[in-house]
Amino acid sequence: LRNVSLSGPIPPYIWNLEKLKTLDLSFNKLTGEVHGVRAPRYTYLTGNRLSGEVESTNFLRSDSTIDLSYNNFSWSSSCQENSNINTYRSSNLMNNLTGLLPCAGPINCTSYQRTLHINCGGDNIVITNASYTITYEADNNETTAAKNHHFRKWGISNTGGFLDDHQEPDIYFVSPSSTLSRDSSDLYKTARRSALSLLFIMHFAWKMEPTM
């Protein structure tokens, strides 16, 4: 039931369907709380208006993959990220970094930068020509259907599982099916794919001149 203009609270009986393995209610206009319920094995709630506290309830199961991004949930200052739960922009604090990454902890930008180069699905690569030398950082960490990764300069948020490809586990990195030409850059040999949403986050320090 993704993106079908559903509104109002999620009916309580939904959470009582014991055989329900996957629940995708993404990109609707759902409101209310999910307090006191138990999430199915794969639960996608991104892009709604859900609110309330979920941190201290049974909803955040350790054996479930849960996407809570782009909602208005409440998180305590002591919350911690879980590898199976995507909390990007899931907070009702939308005006600061805490609202973007509510459970990521402090992010310290120690160096000035305004560009970012990533080799999606591959290892570190250095590209050199007559004009410049650029290092493309590796992007090959294990990915799941609701996953946040945070590194020194950047991070990534991935959501969604491939429900119709009959493959377990899902494959999030792909290579070209045809042979590339001999002079093709290594940057074209791998790619990252996502079933629902894919977001790269850059942590940067920006030099600004004060004005009076």
Protein backbone atom coordinates (compact mmCIF):
# COMPACT_ATOMS: atom_id res chain seq x y z
CA LEU A 1 0.00 0.00 0.00
CA ARG A 2 2.78 2.39 -0.91
CA ASN A 3 1.88 5.91 -2.06
CA VAL A 4 -1.89 5.44 -2.30
CA SER A 5 -2.94 8.54 -0.29
CA LEU A 6 -3.85 6.68 2.89
CA SER A 7 -4.59 9.01 5.81
CA GLY A 8 -5.41 8.80 9.50
CA PRO A 9 -4.02 6.33 12.03
CA ILE A 10 -2.93 2.81 11.13
CA PRO A 11 -5.79 0.41 12.07
CA PRO A 12 -4.88 -1.62 15.19
CA TYR A 13 -5.80 -4.94 13.56
CA ILE A 14 -2.90 -4.54 11.12
CA TRP A 15 -0.41 -5.18 13.92
CA ASN A 16 -2.26 -8.31 15.01
CA LEU A 17 -1.85 -10.15 11.70
CA GLU A 18 0.53 -12.85 12.90
CA LYS A 19 1.41 -14.10 9.41
CA LEU A 20 2.17 -10.63 8.07
CA LYS A 21 5.86 -10.57 7.12
CA THR A 22 6.13 -7.35 5.12
CA LEU A 23 4.25 -4.09 5.69
CA ASP A 24 4.90 -1.21 3.28
CA LEU A 25 2.89 1.94 4.02
CA SER A 26 5.46 4.38 2.66
CA PHE A 27 4.65 7.80 1.22
CA ASN A 28 1.13 8.23 2.52
CA LYS A 29 -0.42 10.69 4.98
CA LEU A 30 -0.71 8.43 8.00
CA THR A 31 -0.85 10.02 11.45
CA GLY A 32 -0.97 8.86 15.05
CA GLU A 33 1.38 6.65 17.05
CA VAL A 34 2.66 3.08 16.88
CA HIS A 35 3.07 2.75 20.63
CA GLY A 36 2.59 -0.71 22.12
CA VAL A 37 2.55 -2.64 18.84
CA ARG A 38 4.96 -5.13 17.30
CA ALA A 39 6.47 -4.48 13.88
CA PRO A 40 6.42 -7.17 11.16
CA ARG A 41 9.72 -8.58 9.91
CA TYR A 42 9.98 -5.88 7.22
CA THR A 43 8.24 -2.61 8.04
CA TYR A 44 8.44 0.49 5.83
CA LEU A 45 6.79 3.66 7.16
CA THR A 46 8.89 6.33 5.46
CA GLY A 47 7.26 9.56 4.30
CA ASN A 48 4.28 9.80 6.65
CA ARG A 49 3.24 11.99 9.60
CA LEU A 50 3.54 9.44 12.37
CA SER A 51 4.53 10.69 15.80
CA GLY A 52 5.02 9.68 19.42
CA GLU A 53 7.69 7.64 21.16
CA VAL A 54 8.83 4.32 19.77
CA GLU A 55 12.22 3.98 21.42
CA SER A 56 11.05 2.32 24.66
CA THR A 57 8.37 0.09 23.13
CA ASN A 58 8.37 -3.38 21.60
CA PHE A 59 8.06 -1.85 18.14
CA LEU A 60 11.80 -1.67 17.49
CA ARG A 61 12.48 -5.40 17.29
CA SER A 62 16.07 -6.52 16.94
CA ASP A 63 15.04 -9.11 14.35
CA SER A 64 13.08 -6.68 12.15
CA THR A 65 14.10 -4.31 9.38
CA ILE A 66 12.29 -1.02 10.02
CA ASP A 67 12.27 2.25 8.07
CA LEU A 68 11.03 5.23 10.11
CA SER A 69 12.55 8.00 7.98
CA TYR A 70 10.68 11.22 7.24
CA ASN A 71 8.24 11.17 10.16
CA ASN A 72 7.77 13.09 13.43
CA PHE A 73 8.75 10.60 16.12
CA SER A 74 10.22 11.58 19.49
CA TRP A 75 13.67 10.35 20.50
CA SER A 76 15.57 10.71 23.73
CA SER A 77 19.02 12.28 23.80
CA SER A 78 20.47 8.89 24.77
CA CYS A 79 19.05 6.89 21.85
CA GLN A 80 21.48 4.82 19.82
CA GLU A 81 21.46 3.77 16.19
CA ASN A 82 20.57 0.20 15.29
CA SER A 83 21.91 -1.41 12.14
CA ASN A 84 18.43 -2.60 11.12
CA ILE A 85 16.51 0.65 11.70
CA ASN A 86 16.59 3.75 9.47
CA THR A 87 15.91 6.87 11.53
CA TYR A 88 16.99 9.57 9.04
CA ARG A 89 14.73 12.64 9.47
CA SER A 90 12.43 10.60 11.70
CA SER A 91 12.56 13.20 14.48
CA ASN A 92 10.16 16.04 15.19
CA LEU A 93 13.20 18.31 15.62
CA MET A 94 13.60 19.42 12.04
CA ASN A 95 15.74 22.54 12.44
CA ASN A 96 19.09 21.05 13.40
CA LEU A 97 21.34 18.03 12.98
CA THR A 98 19.50 16.21 15.76
CA GLY A 99 16.43 16.25 13.55
CA LEU A 100 18.35 14.78 10.61
CA LEU A 101 20.15 12.02 12.48
CA PRO A 102 18.47 11.75 15.89
CA CYS A 103 20.45 8.75 17.15
CA ALA A 104 23.77 9.13 15.34
CA GLY A 105 25.62 10.92 18.12
CA PRO A 106 27.82 14.00 17.65
CA ILE A 107 29.40 14.56 14.25
CA ASN A 108 32.54 16.70 14.33
CA CYS A 109 33.62 18.34 11.09
CA THR A 110 37.34 18.88 11.59
CA SER A 111 38.35 19.97 8.12
CA TYR A 112 37.05 22.31 5.46
CA GLN A 113 35.55 20.69 2.39
CA ARG A 114 32.81 21.39 -0.09
CA THR A 115 33.13 18.45 -2.50
CA LEU A 116 32.66 14.73 -2.13
CA HIS A 117 33.63 11.89 -4.48
CA ILE A 118 32.29 8.36 -3.94
CA ASN A 119 32.80 5.15 -5.92
CA CYS A 120 29.37 3.56 -5.56
CA GLY A 121 29.65 -0.15 -4.94
CA GLY A 122 33.42 -0.22 -5.25
CA ASP A 123 36.75 0.34 -3.50
CA ASN A 124 38.87 3.47 -3.13
CA ILE A 125 39.98 4.71 -6.54
CA VAL A 126 42.38 7.50 -7.48
CA ILE A 127 41.72 9.15 -10.86
CA THR A 128 44.58 11.24 -12.25
CA ASN A 129 44.90 13.27 -15.43
CA ALA A 130 46.75 16.38 -16.55
CA SER A 131 44.44 18.71 -14.65
CA TYR A 132 43.69 17.05 -11.33
CA THR A 133 43.90 14.06 -9.02
CA ILE A 134 40.71 12.92 -7.30
CA THR A 135 40.25 10.17 -4.74
CA TYR A 136 36.87 8.45 -4.88
CA GLU A 137 36.04 6.91 -1.50
CA ALA A 138 34.87 3.31 -1.23
CA ASP A 139 31.15 2.63 -0.92
CA ASN A 140 30.97 -1.13 -0.43
CA ASN A 141 29.72 -1.65 3.12
CA GLU A 142 27.03 -4.22 3.83
CA THR A 143 23.57 -2.83 3.09
CA THR A 144 20.09 -3.90 4.17
CA ALA A 145 16.53 -2.72 3.51
CA ALA A 146 16.77 -0.06 6.23
CA LYS A 147 20.34 1.01 6.78
CA ASN A 148 22.34 4.05 7.82
CA HIS A 149 26.12 4.21 7.42
CA HIS A 150 28.19 7.05 8.84
CA PHE A 151 31.83 7.70 8.05
CA ARG A 152 34.25 10.51 8.83
CA LYS A 153 33.17 12.81 5.99
CA TRP A 154 29.91 11.38 4.76
CA GLY A 155 27.07 8.96 5.32
CA ILE A 156 24.42 7.03 3.43
CA SER A 157 20.79 6.16 4.04
CA ASN A 158 19.18 3.27 2.14
CA THR A 159 15.60 2.02 2.38
CA GLY A 160 13.52 -0.64 0.68
CA GLY A 161 13.80 -4.31 -0.16
CA PHE A 162 13.46 -6.00 -3.55
CA LEU A 163 10.32 -8.02 -2.89
CA ASP A 164 9.79 -9.37 -6.40
CA ASP A 165 13.23 -10.59 -7.44
CA HIS A 166 13.03 -13.86 -5.46
CA GLN A 167 16.54 -13.41 -4.09
CA GLU A 168 17.62 -13.70 -0.47
CA PRO A 169 19.44 -11.74 0.71
CA ASP A 170 18.78 -8.69 -1.44
CA ILE A 171 21.60 -7.52 -3.70
CA TYR A 172 22.38 -3.79 -3.45
CA PHE A 173 25.60 -3.67 -5.50
CA VAL A 174 25.66 -4.54 -9.19
CA SER A 175 28.18 -4.75 -12.02
CA PRO A 176 27.58 -4.24 -15.75
CA SER A 177 26.33 -7.33 -17.56
CA SER A 178 28.29 -6.50 -20.71
CA THR A 179 32.05 -6.20 -21.10
CA LEU A 180 33.40 -2.67 -20.78
CA SER A 181 36.00 -1.30 -23.16
CA ARG A 182 39.62 -1.62 -22.07
CA ASP A 183 40.00 2.10 -21.37
CA SER A 184 36.80 2.37 -19.30
CA SER A 185 37.27 3.94 -15.90
CA ASP A 186 37.04 1.71 -12.84
CA LEU A 187 34.27 4.04 -11.69
CA TYR A 188 31.93 2.37 -14.18
CA LYS A 189 32.53 -1.18 -13.00
CA THR A 190 30.20 -1.11 -9.98
CA ALA A 191 27.01 0.65 -8.95
CA ARG A 192 24.67 0.83 -5.99
CA ARG A 193 20.94 0.23 -6.35
CA SER A 194 18.04 0.89 -4.01
CA ALA A 195 14.46 -0.34 -3.96
CA LEU A 196 12.85 2.70 -2.34
CA SER A 197 15.15 5.60 -1.49
CA LEU A 198 18.87 6.30 -1.48
CA LEU A 199 20.45 9.34 0.14
CA PHE A 200 24.08 10.41 0.49
CA ILE A 201 24.86 12.74 3.39
CA MET A 202 27.93 14.97 3.41
CA HIS A 203 29.42 16.22 6.69
CA PHE A 204 31.28 19.44 6.01
CA ALA A 205 32.75 22.49 7.66
CA TRP A 206 32.07 25.70 5.78
CA LYS A 207 34.33 28.73 6.03
CA MET A 208 32.29 31.90 6.40
CA GLU A 209 33.37 35.51 6.79
CA PRO A 210 31.47 37.31 9.56
CA THR A 211 29.39 40.31 8.54
CA MET A 212 28.25 43.26 10.59
